[in-house]
Amino acid sequence: MIVHNDAARSSRADSEASDPTPEWWRTAVIYQIYPRSFADANGDGVGDLRGITSRLGALAELGIDAIWLSPFFTSPQKDAGYDVADYCDVDPIFGDLADFDAMQAEAHRLGIRVIVDLVPNHSSDQHPWFQAALAAPAGSPERARYMFRDGKGADGAEPPNNWQSVFGGPQWTRITEPDGTPGQWYLHIFDSSQPDFDWTNEEVREEFRRILRFWLDRGVDGFRVDVAHGLIKADGLPDYTPPAEGGSMGGGGDAAAAVAEPAHDDAVADHHDHAGGAPYWGQDGVHEIYRDWRKLLDEYPGERILAAEAWVDPLTRIAKWVRPDEMHQAFNFAYLETGWDAEDLRTVIDASIAAFGGVGAPSTWVLSNHDVVRHASRHALGAENPQGHGIGPKSPGLPDQEVGLRRARAASAVMLALPGSAYVYQGEELGLPEVIHLPDDSRQDPTWFRTEGERYGRDGCRVPIPWESDAPSYGFGPTDASWLPQPDMWTDYARDQQSGDPRSTLELYRSALSLRRSHELGAGSVEWLPASGGPVLAFRNGDVTVVANTGDAPVALPAGQVLLASGPLGDGTLPVDTTVWMSAE
């Protein structure tokens, strides 16, 4: 269904003509909404667009600049919406296009920009194109839209190569041809329900230009691009065995490697990256695609943006995604993967500012999202936890909840003091931890099923968030229904319990975002202070001094007036796992 909303578009055009914040994305704080888990208006246990609309006032009060919505498109929901069957419509579980228009209009009225999630690497196997490919013969134009290949061996019974899926198991699934015989294989980096497009096909490229224009014409402010380092695969699809310590999305999982500077020029670096990295991640051809998209977005007024989810190392390489003629932002996963350690944080902050600044882009900062263990738990883990694996009752090194929250608050206070753009994942402003003790029969992440329970996956960071402590489903919706079970401890984390309490994580975020704006920290710079070293991170941004203690003993507080503290301060001392902002003297 398509609903035309000319009045909304006209209003948007009028506001853009006098937009007072050019290049708003350079300093923006962008709040990620995972629609299934944010707010449920109709009580079916799944969040929806009307629910989002009803809670936008709380986000405006929080002080964010934009929202990014994970996919709400028509989908069988085998991967929570990242398996798209129709890119230009709303899945009925979330509402319809009229609900989207109403949500966006309210967001814009409140001064909040709207970024939608685009999934160009793959579609759902229920997409009309893939269904047509299954019905068509090998070598047909319908199959050419996807990565179909003949199998190996005399009867083609072996996959075309040895690639392993992000969700576990092979990247290849064999189809049954229309005549009932075993047929070709198709590639899926993720689940078998998510076949990869063939981006060497011009028809695929033109289709996504159409999709971009559809949402830009509706007034969206930009796109977060899922798996932006995928799309193009190496010629010949060579066999590849990833390193044991590598992250499932292609990041090394090693903060030191993520910030390491290459000791050779770009041309040699590209060859080195592709020779040593996965042949389905970060191929040069992706940049041509995003240059094409950037030209398209630049035709529209109002600073529409592209933000890349690209898990590649090192930072100097991810900076290629945000060169002046490509994307505007790229998620800083090197920062996300850095532990609570002052020296490591200083290293990644310096490397980030240098790499992104070197191509004229802002650095981004992010601590949590819908794919990783929430940082209120991750910063207290006692064992390695590769991205995408998740944690559950049998995981080693389970976090201490008190330590995790204390470090999360301190880490958030550091992040929100840095220049550039910051991303906040829904519920982190409440200090929500990862939900560890989910019943096995409630889990829904494909990772759990494809690894037969060996990896817990991402359900623990996706549990619907609490709004009111004594309401059904903690205010998530009007009934007790919740697509993933909410823990009893949500009572203490509910927004209404935290609002107005100066000790709460919610009020810490509100204060930090207000101070960030009033002191223009997003447009500032980092000046390291002599006190920075060992377990202490100390820097100045404009007229604000920031000191974080990542060690195991209190340290002396610098002179000045305290503007913000992530936890109680000692008598002239900064306790462990605490960050303070002070007026610079």
Protein backbone atom coordinates (compact mmCIF):
# COMPACT_ATOMS: atom_id res chain seq x y z
CA MET A 1 0.00 0.00 0.00
CA ILE A 2 1.28 3.49 -0.87
CA VAL A 3 -0.13 6.53 0.89
CA HIS A 4 0.75 9.87 -0.66
CA ASN A 5 1.40 12.61 1.86
CA ASP A 6 1.94 15.75 -0.17
CA ALA A 7 1.15 18.06 2.74
CA ALA A 8 3.81 16.47 4.91
CA ARG A 9 6.36 16.72 2.10
CA SER A 10 5.49 20.36 1.49
CA SER A 11 5.92 21.14 5.18
CA ARG A 12 9.24 19.32 5.17
CA ALA A 13 10.43 21.27 2.13
CA ASP A 14 9.51 24.57 3.82
CA SER A 15 11.49 23.65 6.95
CA GLU A 16 14.49 22.58 4.89
CA ALA A 17 14.62 25.93 3.13
CA SER A 18 15.44 27.58 6.45
CA ASP A 19 17.33 24.72 8.11
CA PRO A 20 19.52 26.37 10.80
CA THR A 21 21.78 23.35 11.27
CA PRO A 22 23.73 22.58 8.09
CA GLU A 23 25.77 19.39 8.35
CA TRP A 24 23.81 18.48 11.48
CA TRP A 25 25.16 14.95 11.25
CA ARG A 26 28.68 16.02 12.21
CA THR A 27 27.72 16.52 15.87
CA ALA A 28 24.40 14.67 16.19
CA VAL A 29 23.41 12.28 18.95
CA ILE A 30 21.40 9.59 17.17
CA TYR A 31 19.13 7.24 19.11
CA GLN A 32 18.64 3.74 17.76
CA ILE A 33 15.12 2.36 17.96
CA TYR A 34 14.67 -1.38 17.57
CA PRO A 35 10.97 -1.21 16.63
CA ARG A 36 10.01 -4.68 17.89
CA SER A 37 11.16 -3.77 21.39
CA PHE A 38 10.58 -0.04 21.85
CA ALA A 39 6.84 0.48 22.36
CA ASP A 40 3.75 -1.57 21.48
CA ALA A 41 0.55 0.38 20.81
CA ASN A 42 -1.84 -2.47 20.00
CA GLY A 43 -0.91 -4.95 22.72
CA ASP A 44 0.16 -7.85 20.52
CA GLY A 45 3.57 -8.05 22.19
CA VAL A 46 5.53 -6.58 19.26
CA GLY A 47 6.53 -2.93 19.13
CA ASP A 48 5.09 -0.83 16.30
CA LEU A 49 5.18 2.57 14.63
CA ARG A 50 2.25 3.97 16.61
CA GLY A 51 4.04 2.93 19.76
CA ILE A 52 7.12 4.83 18.62
CA THR A 53 5.00 7.91 17.92
CA SER A 54 3.51 7.76 21.42
CA ARG A 55 6.95 7.83 23.04
CA LEU A 56 8.75 10.41 20.90
CA GLY A 57 8.15 13.07 23.51
CA ALA A 58 10.36 11.16 25.94
CA LEU A 59 13.16 11.12 23.38
CA ALA A 60 12.81 14.84 22.71
CA GLU A 61 13.06 15.38 26.47
CA LEU A 62 16.15 13.19 26.58
CA GLY A 63 17.82 15.59 24.14
CA ILE A 64 18.69 13.47 21.10
CA ASP A 65 18.92 14.89 17.56
CA ALA A 66 17.73 11.99 15.41
CA ILE A 67 16.33 8.49 15.56
CA TRP A 68 17.48 5.50 13.55
CA LEU A 69 14.86 2.79 13.12
CA SER A 70 15.90 -0.81 12.54
CA PRO A 71 13.89 -2.37 9.68
CA PHE A 72 10.10 -2.12 9.73
CA PHE A 73 9.58 -3.23 6.12
CA THR A 74 7.42 -6.13 4.97
CA SER A 75 9.20 -9.28 6.13
CA PRO A 76 8.63 -12.88 7.25
CA GLN A 77 10.59 -11.80 10.36
CA LYS A 78 12.95 -14.77 10.31
CA ASP A 79 15.74 -12.35 11.26
CA ALA A 80 13.64 -9.72 13.01
CA GLY A 81 13.06 -7.70 9.86
CA TYR A 82 16.54 -7.86 8.34
CA ASP A 83 15.01 -10.28 5.84
CA VAL A 84 13.05 -7.87 3.64
CA ALA A 85 10.30 -8.99 1.28
CA ASP A 86 9.17 -5.49 0.23
CA TYR A 87 11.46 -2.50 0.71
CA CYS A 88 8.74 0.06 0.01
CA ASP A 89 6.04 -0.95 2.45
CA VAL A 90 5.55 -1.43 6.19
CA ASP A 91 5.10 -4.89 7.67
CA PRO A 92 1.58 -5.20 9.13
CA ILE A 93 3.00 -6.06 12.57
CA PHE A 94 4.42 -2.52 12.68
CA GLY A 95 1.49 -0.74 11.02
CA ASP A 96 1.32 0.81 7.56
CA LEU A 97 2.76 3.68 5.56
CA ALA A 98 0.24 6.10 7.01
CA ASP A 99 1.56 5.19 10.48
CA PHE A 100 5.09 5.82 9.26
CA ASP A 101 4.12 9.22 7.88
CA ALA A 102 2.42 10.14 11.15
CA MET A 103 5.43 9.01 13.18
CA GLN A 104 7.84 10.94 10.98
CA ALA A 105 5.69 14.06 11.06
CA GLU A 106 5.62 13.99 14.86
CA ALA A 107 9.37 13.44 15.01
CA HIS A 108 9.99 16.38 12.72
CA ARG A 109 7.58 18.52 14.76
CA LEU A 110 9.70 17.74 17.82
CA GLY A 111 12.92 18.58 15.95
CA ILE A 112 13.98 14.95 15.63
CA ARG A 113 15.30 13.67 12.30
CA VAL A 114 14.45 10.19 11.04
CA ILE A 115 16.93 7.67 9.63
CA VAL A 116 15.73 4.33 8.30
CA ASP A 117 17.64 1.08 8.03
CA LEU A 118 18.36 -0.15 4.50
CA VAL A 119 19.35 -3.79 3.89
CA PRO A 120 21.01 -3.96 0.45
CA ASN A 121 23.21 -7.05 0.84
CA HIS A 122 20.34 -9.55 0.77
CA SER A 123 16.58 -9.88 0.65
CA SER A 124 14.16 -12.33 2.19
CA ASP A 125 13.67 -15.61 0.36
CA GLN A 126 10.02 -14.48 0.18
CA HIS A 127 10.91 -11.44 -1.92
CA PRO A 128 9.14 -11.66 -5.32
CA TRP A 129 12.48 -11.55 -7.08
CA PHE A 130 13.80 -14.62 -5.26
CA GLN A 131 10.57 -16.53 -5.74
CA ALA A 132 10.84 -15.76 -9.45
CA ALA A 133 14.46 -16.97 -9.41
CA LEU A 134 13.43 -20.30 -7.90
CA ALA A 135 10.84 -20.78 -10.64
CA ALA A 136 13.22 -19.79 -13.45
CA PRO A 137 15.96 -21.95 -15.00
CA ALA A 138 19.69 -21.72 -14.38
CA GLY A 139 21.25 -18.85 -16.31
CA SER A 140 18.00 -16.86 -16.43
CA PRO A 141 17.76 -13.09 -15.81
CA GLU A 142 15.72 -13.85 -12.68
CA ARG A 143 18.57 -15.86 -11.14
CA ALA A 144 21.13 -13.27 -12.21
CA ARG A 145 19.76 -10.93 -9.54
CA TYR A 146 21.16 -13.26 -6.87
CA MET A 147 24.34 -15.31 -6.36
CA PHE A 148 23.36 -18.65 -7.89
CA ARG A 149 26.18 -21.06 -8.73
CA ASP A 150 26.60 -24.68 -9.77
CA GLY A 151 27.89 -27.01 -7.08
CA LYS A 152 31.19 -28.85 -7.08
CA GLY A 153 31.65 -32.54 -7.77
CA ALA A 154 30.35 -34.76 -10.54
CA ASP A 155 26.74 -34.30 -9.48
CA GLY A 156 27.09 -30.76 -8.08
CA ALA A 157 26.34 -32.02 -4.59
CA GLU A 158 29.08 -29.99 -2.89
CA PRO A 159 28.81 -26.24 -2.20
CA PRO A 160 30.68 -23.91 -4.57
CA ASN A 161 33.17 -23.01 -1.80
CA ASN A 162 33.79 -23.40 1.93
CA TRP A 163 32.41 -20.08 3.18
CA GLN A 164 30.70 -20.19 6.58
CA SER A 165 27.65 -18.12 7.50
CA VAL A 166 27.73 -15.35 10.10
CA PHE A 167 24.91 -17.25 11.81
CA GLY A 168 26.72 -20.61 11.65
CA GLY A 169 26.74 -23.37 9.04
CA PRO A 170 27.56 -22.99 5.33
CA GLN A 171 26.86 -19.85 3.30
CA TRP A 172 25.34 -21.99 0.55
CA THR A 173 21.94 -23.69 0.21
CA ARG A 174 21.01 -26.01 -2.63
CA ILE A 175 17.63 -25.59 -4.28
CA THR A 176 15.30 -28.07 -5.88
CA GLU A 177 14.70 -27.12 -9.51
CA PRO A 178 11.14 -26.70 -10.84
CA ASP A 179 11.34 -30.20 -12.36
CA GLY A 180 12.11 -31.71 -8.95
CA THR A 181 15.80 -32.42 -9.47
CA PRO A 182 18.61 -31.15 -7.21
CA GLY A 183 19.76 -27.85 -8.62
CA GLN A 184 22.04 -24.89 -8.15
CA TRP A 185 23.24 -23.38 -4.90
CA TYR A 186 22.61 -19.80 -3.73
CA LEU A 187 24.80 -17.69 -1.48
CA HIS A 188 23.66 -16.24 1.85
CA ILE A 189 26.21 -14.62 4.15
CA PHE A 190 23.57 -14.82 6.86
CA ASP A 191 20.60 -17.20 7.18
CA SER A 192 19.38 -19.37 4.30
CA SER A 193 16.23 -17.22 4.32
CA GLN A 194 18.40 -14.21 3.30
CA PRO A 195 19.81 -14.75 -0.22
CA ASP A 196 22.52 -12.28 -1.26
CA PHE A 197 21.92 -9.99 -4.22
CA ASP A 198 24.42 -9.95 -7.07
CA TRP A 199 25.57 -6.34 -7.08
CA THR A 200 27.39 -6.73 -10.38
CA ASN A 201 23.91 -6.75 -11.93
CA GLU A 202 22.72 -3.30 -13.07
CA GLU A 203 19.10 -4.29 -12.48
CA VAL A 204 19.87 -4.68 -8.76
CA ARG A 205 21.56 -1.27 -8.66
CA GLU A 206 18.64 0.44 -10.37
CA GLU A 207 16.15 -1.20 -8.02
CA PHE A 208 17.93 0.24 -4.99
CA ARG A 209 18.02 3.68 -6.57
CA ARG A 210 14.24 3.38 -6.80
CA ILE A 211 14.02 2.31 -3.15
CA LEU A 212 16.20 5.21 -2.00
CA ARG A 213 14.05 7.70 -3.88
CA PHE A 214 10.85 6.19 -2.47
CA TRP A 215 11.89 6.95 1.11
CA LEU A 216 13.63 10.23 0.32
CA ASP A 217 10.46 11.42 -1.37
CA ARG A 218 8.59 10.60 1.83
CA GLY A 219 10.94 12.91 3.74
CA VAL A 220 13.38 10.63 5.56
CA ASP A 221 16.61 12.24 6.68
CA GLY A 222 18.89 9.39 5.72
CA PHE A 223 19.77 5.72 5.78
CA ARG A 224 21.77 3.47 8.01
CA VAL A 225 23.16 0.91 5.58
CA ASP A 226 23.21 -2.63 6.91
CA VAL A 227 26.30 -4.73 6.12
CA ALA A 228 27.75 -1.85 4.11
CA HIS A 229 31.02 -3.78 3.75
CA GLY A 230 29.25 -6.68 2.02
CA LEU A 231 27.49 -6.48 -1.38
CA ILE A 232 30.56 -7.18 -3.56
CA LYS A 233 32.31 -10.56 -3.42
CA ALA A 234 35.81 -11.33 -4.67
CA ASP A 235 36.12 -12.59 -8.24
CA GLY A 236 36.02 -16.36 -8.43
CA LEU A 237 34.56 -16.73 -4.92
CA PRO A 238 37.76 -18.33 -3.54
CA ASP A 239 37.74 -20.59 -0.49
CA TYR A 240 38.39 -18.79 2.80
CA THR A 241 38.82 -19.90 6.40
CA PRO A 242 38.45 -17.03 8.90
CA PRO A 243 40.83 -16.70 11.86
CA ALA A 244 39.52 -18.28 15.05
CA GLU A 245 39.57 -14.95 16.90
CA GLY A 246 37.78 -12.96 14.21
CA GLY A 247 34.36 -11.38 14.71
CA SER A 248 31.51 -12.89 12.73
CA MET A 249 30.85 -9.65 10.86
CA GLY A 250 34.44 -9.28 9.73
CA GLY A 251 35.95 -7.17 12.51
CA GLY A 252 39.06 -8.59 14.05
CA GLY A 253 37.73 -8.44 17.59
CA ASP A 254 41.11 -7.01 18.58
CA ALA A 255 41.13 -3.32 19.48
CA ALA A 256 44.87 -3.04 18.84
CA ALA A 257 44.50 -4.46 15.33
CA ALA A 258 41.51 -2.24 14.68
CA VAL A 259 43.53 0.94 15.19
CA ALA A 260 46.85 -0.24 13.72
CA GLU A 261 48.18 1.98 10.97
CA PRO A 262 49.16 0.19 7.74
CA ALA A 263 52.80 0.58 6.82
CA HIS A 264 52.14 0.97 3.10
CA ASP A 265 50.23 3.18 0.71
CA ASP A 266 46.52 2.80 -0.08
CA ALA A 267 47.00 0.71 -3.20
CA VAL A 268 49.19 -1.79 -1.40
CA ALA A 269 46.90 -1.67 1.63
CA ASP A 270 43.86 -2.54 -0.47
CA HIS A 271 45.68 -5.52 -1.96
CA HIS A 272 46.85 -6.61 1.46
CA ASP A 273 43.38 -6.30 3.00
CA HIS A 274 41.74 -8.35 0.28
CA ALA A 275 44.45 -10.97 0.18
CA GLY A 276 44.30 -11.53 3.94
CA GLY A 277 40.64 -10.74 4.64
CA ALA A 278 37.34 -12.39 3.90
CA PRO A 279 36.54 -12.33 0.16
CA TYR A 280 32.95 -11.33 0.96
CA TRP A 281 33.80 -8.31 3.14
CA GLY A 282 35.15 -4.89 2.19
CA GLN A 283 35.82 -5.38 -1.51
CA ASP A 284 36.73 -2.27 -3.49
CA GLY A 285 33.59 -2.40 -5.61
CA VAL A 286 31.36 -1.28 -2.72
CA HIS A 287 32.75 2.25 -2.99
CA GLU A 288 31.43 2.70 -6.51
CA ILE A 289 27.95 1.84 -5.23
CA TYR A 290 28.06 4.38 -2.43
CA ARG A 291 29.40 7.13 -4.67
CA ASP A 292 26.37 6.54 -6.85
CA TRP A 293 24.07 6.72 -3.84
CA ARG A 294 25.72 9.88 -2.55
CA LYS A 295 25.04 11.65 -5.85
CA LEU A 296 21.41 10.62 -5.57
CA LEU A 297 21.08 11.88 -1.97
CA ASP A 298 22.77 15.15 -2.87
CA GLU A 299 19.88 15.87 -5.25
CA TYR A 300 17.64 16.29 -2.18
CA PRO A 301 17.60 19.29 0.18
CA GLY A 302 18.09 19.10 3.92
CA GLU A 303 21.35 17.20 4.43
CA ARG A 304 20.12 13.61 3.91
CA ILE A 305 22.80 11.20 5.10
CA LEU A 306 24.24 7.71 4.68
CA ALA A 307 25.70 5.90 7.70
CA ALA A 308 27.70 2.72 7.16
CA GLU A 309 27.62 -0.42 9.23
CA ALA A 310 30.99 -1.73 8.07
CA TRP A 311 32.96 -4.11 10.26
CA VAL A 312 36.44 -3.67 8.79
CA ASP A 313 39.87 -3.03 10.28
CA PRO A 314 41.85 -0.86 10.70
CA LEU A 315 40.25 2.55 11.21
CA THR A 316 42.21 3.95 8.28
CA ARG A 317 40.36 1.48 6.09
CA ILE A 318 36.86 2.16 7.39
CA ALA A 319 37.56 5.86 6.74
CA LYS A 320 37.35 5.03 3.03
CA TRP A 321 33.60 4.61 3.44
CA VAL A 322 33.29 8.27 4.47
CA ARG A 323 35.43 10.04 1.91
CA PRO A 324 33.80 13.29 0.73
CA ASP A 325 31.97 11.68 -2.19
CA GLU A 326 30.75 8.59 -0.32
CA MET A 327 28.96 8.17 3.00
CA HIS A 328 28.64 10.77 5.74
CA GLN A 329 29.28 8.52 8.74
CA ALA A 330 30.54 5.04 9.57
CA PHE A 331 30.04 3.27 12.85
CA ASN A 332 33.19 3.19 14.94
CA PHE A 333 33.27 -0.47 15.92
CA ALA A 334 36.92 -0.20 16.96
CA TYR A 335 35.71 2.12 19.73
CA LEU A 336 32.81 -0.17 20.63
CA GLU A 337 35.17 -3.14 20.93
CA THR A 338 37.67 -1.31 23.15
CA GLY A 339 37.55 -2.36 26.78
CA TRP A 340 37.36 -0.17 29.86
CA ASP A 341 41.04 0.71 29.89
CA ALA A 342 42.39 4.27 29.80
CA GLU A 343 45.41 3.59 27.60
CA ASP A 344 43.40 1.57 25.08
CA LEU A 345 40.71 4.25 25.00
CA ARG A 346 43.24 7.00 24.38
CA THR A 347 44.75 4.98 21.54
CA VAL A 348 41.43 4.36 19.81
CA ILE A 349 40.23 7.95 20.31
CA ASP A 350 43.42 9.32 18.73
CA ALA A 351 43.26 6.82 15.88
CA SER A 352 39.57 7.54 15.26
CA ILE A 353 39.93 11.29 15.12
CA ALA A 354 42.97 10.99 12.86
CA ALA A 355 41.42 8.45 10.48
CA PHE A 356 38.02 10.07 10.06
CA GLY A 357 39.38 13.61 10.22
CA GLY A 358 41.89 12.68 7.55
CA VAL A 359 39.05 12.38 5.02
CA GLY A 360 37.04 15.32 6.37
CA ALA A 361 34.46 13.20 8.21
CA PRO A 362 33.39 13.29 11.85
CA SER A 363 34.31 10.41 14.06
CA THR A 364 31.37 8.47 15.45
CA TRP A 365 31.20 6.88 18.89
CA VAL A 366 29.03 3.93 19.86
CA LEU A 367 28.93 1.54 22.81
CA SER A 368 25.86 -0.64 22.20
CA ASN A 369 23.46 -1.69 19.46
CA HIS A 370 21.05 -4.49 18.55
CA ASP A 371 23.87 -6.88 17.55
CA VAL A 372 26.21 -6.77 20.56
CA VAL A 373 26.09 -7.50 24.27
CA ARG A 374 24.90 -4.34 26.03
CA HIS A 375 27.83 -2.41 27.42
CA ALA A 376 26.33 -2.43 30.92
CA SER A 377 27.22 -6.14 30.86
CA ARG A 378 30.01 -6.27 28.28
CA HIS A 379 32.35 -4.04 30.30
CA ALA A 380 32.22 -6.51 33.20
CA LEU A 381 32.62 -9.78 31.29
CA GLY A 382 35.32 -12.09 32.61
CA ALA A 383 35.87 -13.98 29.35
CA GLU A 384 36.24 -13.27 25.64
CA ASN A 385 32.97 -12.84 23.82
CA PRO A 386 33.23 -12.51 20.00
CA GLN A 387 30.73 -10.19 18.36
CA GLY A 388 27.45 -11.96 17.61
CA HIS A 389 27.94 -14.86 20.02
CA GLY A 390 25.91 -13.34 22.85
CA ILE A 391 25.85 -14.53 26.46
CA GLY A 392 23.56 -16.86 28.38
CA PRO A 393 23.38 -18.89 31.58
CA LYS A 394 26.23 -21.23 30.60
CA SER A 395 28.60 -18.56 29.24
CA PRO A 396 31.99 -18.23 30.95
CA GLY A 397 32.86 -15.09 32.88
CA LEU A 398 29.33 -13.78 33.38
CA PRO A 399 29.29 -10.11 34.43
CA ASP A 400 28.88 -8.61 37.86
CA GLN A 401 25.79 -6.43 37.40
CA GLU A 402 26.91 -3.70 39.80
CA VAL A 403 30.38 -3.40 38.29
CA GLY A 404 28.93 -3.48 34.78
CA LEU A 405 26.52 -0.61 35.42
CA ARG A 406 29.18 1.51 37.12
CA ARG A 407 31.55 1.07 34.19
CA ALA A 408 28.78 1.60 31.64
CA ARG A 409 27.83 4.94 33.19
CA ALA A 410 31.47 6.01 33.24
CA ALA A 411 32.04 4.85 29.65
CA SER A 412 28.92 6.69 28.47
CA ALA A 413 30.12 9.87 30.14
CA VAL A 414 33.41 9.59 28.24
CA MET A 415 31.68 8.90 24.92
CA LEU A 416 29.24 11.80 25.17
CA ALA A 417 32.10 14.23 25.87
CA LEU A 418 33.91 13.41 22.62
CA PRO A 419 33.72 15.55 19.46
CA GLY A 420 31.78 14.11 16.53
CA SER A 421 28.55 12.14 16.46
CA ALA A 422 27.38 9.67 19.12
CA TYR A 423 24.91 6.79 18.86
CA VAL A 424 22.73 5.69 21.77
CA TYR A 425 20.94 2.32 21.70
CA GLN A 426 17.45 2.23 23.18
CA GLY A 427 17.55 1.38 26.87
CA GLU A 428 21.19 2.22 27.46
CA GLU A 429 19.98 5.53 28.92
CA LEU A 430 18.25 3.36 31.53
CA GLY A 431 21.41 1.37 32.24
CA LEU A 432 19.82 -1.83 30.97
CA PRO A 433 22.04 -4.91 31.21
CA GLU A 434 22.03 -7.84 28.81
CA VAL A 435 19.19 -10.24 29.67
CA ILE A 436 21.09 -13.45 30.29
CA HIS A 437 18.49 -15.86 31.67
CA LEU A 438 16.09 -16.19 28.77
CA PRO A 439 14.33 -19.57 28.54
CA ASP A 440 15.72 -21.62 25.67
CA ASP A 441 12.26 -22.01 24.14
CA SER A 442 11.84 -18.23 23.97
CA ARG A 443 14.96 -17.54 21.94
CA GLN A 444 14.47 -16.34 18.37
CA ASP A 445 17.86 -15.33 16.97
CA PRO A 446 18.84 -17.46 13.95
CA THR A 447 22.31 -17.81 15.49
CA TRP A 448 20.84 -19.90 18.33
CA PHE A 449 19.22 -22.33 15.91
CA ARG A 450 21.97 -22.54 13.27
CA THR A 451 24.58 -23.32 15.96
CA GLU A 452 22.23 -25.71 17.82
CA GLY A 453 22.51 -23.62 20.96
CA GLU A 454 26.30 -23.30 20.91
CA ARG A 455 25.95 -19.51 20.56
CA TYR A 456 23.18 -17.61 22.35
CA GLY A 457 22.99 -14.86 19.76
CA ARG A 458 21.54 -11.39 20.16
CA ASP A 459 18.19 -11.87 21.90
CA GLY A 460 19.58 -10.66 25.22
CA CYS A 461 20.06 -7.08 23.99
CA ARG A 462 16.70 -7.01 22.20
CA VAL A 463 14.28 -7.62 25.08
CA PRO A 464 11.48 -4.99 25.11
CA ILE A 465 12.43 -2.03 27.27
CA PRO A 466 10.64 -0.90 30.47
CA TRP A 467 8.74 2.36 30.71
CA GLU A 468 6.54 2.09 33.84
CA SER A 469 7.40 -0.17 36.76
CA ASP A 470 3.87 -1.26 37.69
CA ALA A 471 2.23 -1.38 34.24
CA PRO A 472 1.59 -4.46 32.09
CA SER A 473 4.79 -5.42 30.24
CA TYR A 474 6.43 -2.58 32.19
CA GLY A 475 4.66 -0.07 29.96
CA PHE A 476 6.00 -1.58 26.74
CA GLY A 477 2.39 -2.13 25.71
CA PRO A 478 -1.15 -2.17 27.13
CA THR A 479 -1.04 -5.94 27.81
CA ASP A 480 1.40 -8.37 29.38
CA ALA A 481 2.40 -9.65 25.92
CA SER A 482 6.07 -9.34 25.03
CA TRP A 483 7.75 -11.09 22.09
CA LEU A 484 10.76 -11.84 24.32
CA PRO A 485 10.14 -12.31 28.06
CA GLN A 486 11.06 -9.34 30.24
CA PRO A 487 12.93 -10.01 33.50
CA ASP A 488 11.57 -9.12 36.93
CA MET A 489 14.46 -6.73 37.48
CA TRP A 490 12.97 -4.42 34.81
CA THR A 491 10.93 -2.92 37.68
CA ASP A 492 14.03 -1.17 39.03
CA TYR A 493 15.16 0.01 35.59
CA ALA A 494 11.81 1.42 34.41
CA ARG A 495 11.86 4.96 33.09
CA ASP A 496 9.29 6.26 35.56
CA GLN A 497 11.41 5.00 38.47
CA GLN A 498 14.45 6.86 37.18
CA SER A 499 12.87 10.11 36.03
CA GLY A 500 13.71 12.91 38.46
CA ASP A 501 16.16 10.82 40.48
CA PRO A 502 19.51 12.63 40.21
CA ARG A 503 21.35 9.34 40.90
CA SER A 504 19.70 7.49 38.00
CA THR A 505 21.26 6.58 34.68
CA LEU A 506 18.42 8.35 32.87
CA GLU A 507 19.19 11.65 34.57
CA LEU A 508 22.90 11.13 33.91
CA TYR A 509 22.17 10.88 30.18
CA ARG A 510 19.82 13.87 30.24
CA SER A 511 22.43 15.98 31.98
CA ALA A 512 25.24 14.81 29.72
CA LEU A 513 23.26 15.51 26.55
CA SER A 514 22.23 18.95 27.79
CA LEU A 515 25.81 19.85 28.72
CA ARG A 516 27.13 18.39 25.47
CA ARG A 517 24.83 20.73 23.59
CA SER A 518 25.37 23.86 25.68
CA HIS A 519 29.17 23.46 25.66
CA GLU A 520 29.20 22.46 21.96
CA LEU A 521 31.30 19.38 22.68
CA GLY A 522 30.26 17.69 19.44
CA ALA A 523 32.03 20.44 17.49
CA GLY A 524 35.05 20.58 19.79
CA SER A 525 38.40 18.83 19.91
CA VAL A 526 40.39 16.61 22.25
CA GLU A 527 43.39 18.02 24.12
CA TRP A 528 45.09 15.40 26.28
CA LEU A 529 46.06 16.58 29.76
CA PRO A 530 49.23 15.72 31.70
CA ALA A 531 47.12 13.74 34.19
CA SER A 532 46.26 11.28 31.43
CA GLY A 533 48.26 8.10 31.77
CA GLY A 534 48.17 4.68 33.38
CA PRO A 535 44.61 4.05 34.55
CA VAL A 536 43.51 7.69 34.07
CA LEU A 537 42.00 9.18 30.92
CA ALA A 538 42.09 12.98 31.07
CA PHE A 539 41.33 15.44 28.30
CA ARG A 540 39.88 18.84 27.63
CA ASN A 541 37.18 19.54 25.07
CA GLY A 542 36.52 23.27 24.83
CA ASP A 543 35.87 24.54 28.34
CA VAL A 544 35.14 21.10 29.80
CA THR A 545 37.72 18.86 31.46
CA VAL A 546 36.94 15.14 31.42
CA VAL A 547 38.67 12.65 33.73
CA ALA A 548 37.92 8.91 33.87
CA ASN A 549 39.39 6.44 36.34
CA THR A 550 39.62 2.94 34.83
CA GLY A 551 42.00 1.64 37.51
CA ASP A 552 41.57 -0.14 40.82
CA ALA A 553 42.23 2.75 43.25
CA PRO A 554 40.85 6.28 43.65
CA VAL A 555 42.79 9.17 42.11
CA ALA A 556 42.87 12.86 42.94
CA LEU A 557 40.21 15.10 41.46
CA PRO A 558 41.50 18.06 39.47
CA ALA A 559 40.57 21.56 40.53
CA GLY A 560 37.38 23.07 39.18
CA GLN A 561 33.63 22.94 39.44
CA VAL A 562 31.99 19.57 38.89
CA LEU A 563 29.55 19.69 35.99
CA LEU A 564 28.72 15.98 35.82
CA ALA A 565 29.80 12.78 37.55
CA SER A 566 28.93 9.25 36.52
CA GLY A 567 28.87 8.14 40.17
CA PRO A 568 29.41 9.42 43.71
CA LEU A 569 32.71 11.25 44.23
CA GLY A 570 35.03 10.86 47.18
CA ASP A 571 36.43 13.65 49.32
CA GLY A 572 38.66 15.23 46.69
CA THR A 573 39.02 11.91 44.89
CA LEU A 574 37.66 10.22 41.79
CA PRO A 575 36.61 6.64 42.66
CA VAL A 576 37.33 3.67 40.42
CA ASP A 577 35.11 3.19 37.35
CA THR A 578 33.95 6.80 37.47
CA THR A 579 34.06 9.72 35.03
CA VAL A 580 33.75 13.39 35.91
CA TRP A 581 33.22 16.51 33.79
CA MET A 582 34.58 19.72 35.26
CA SER A 583 34.64 23.32 34.19
CA ALA A 584 38.10 24.05 32.83
CA GLU A 585 40.04 26.61 34.84
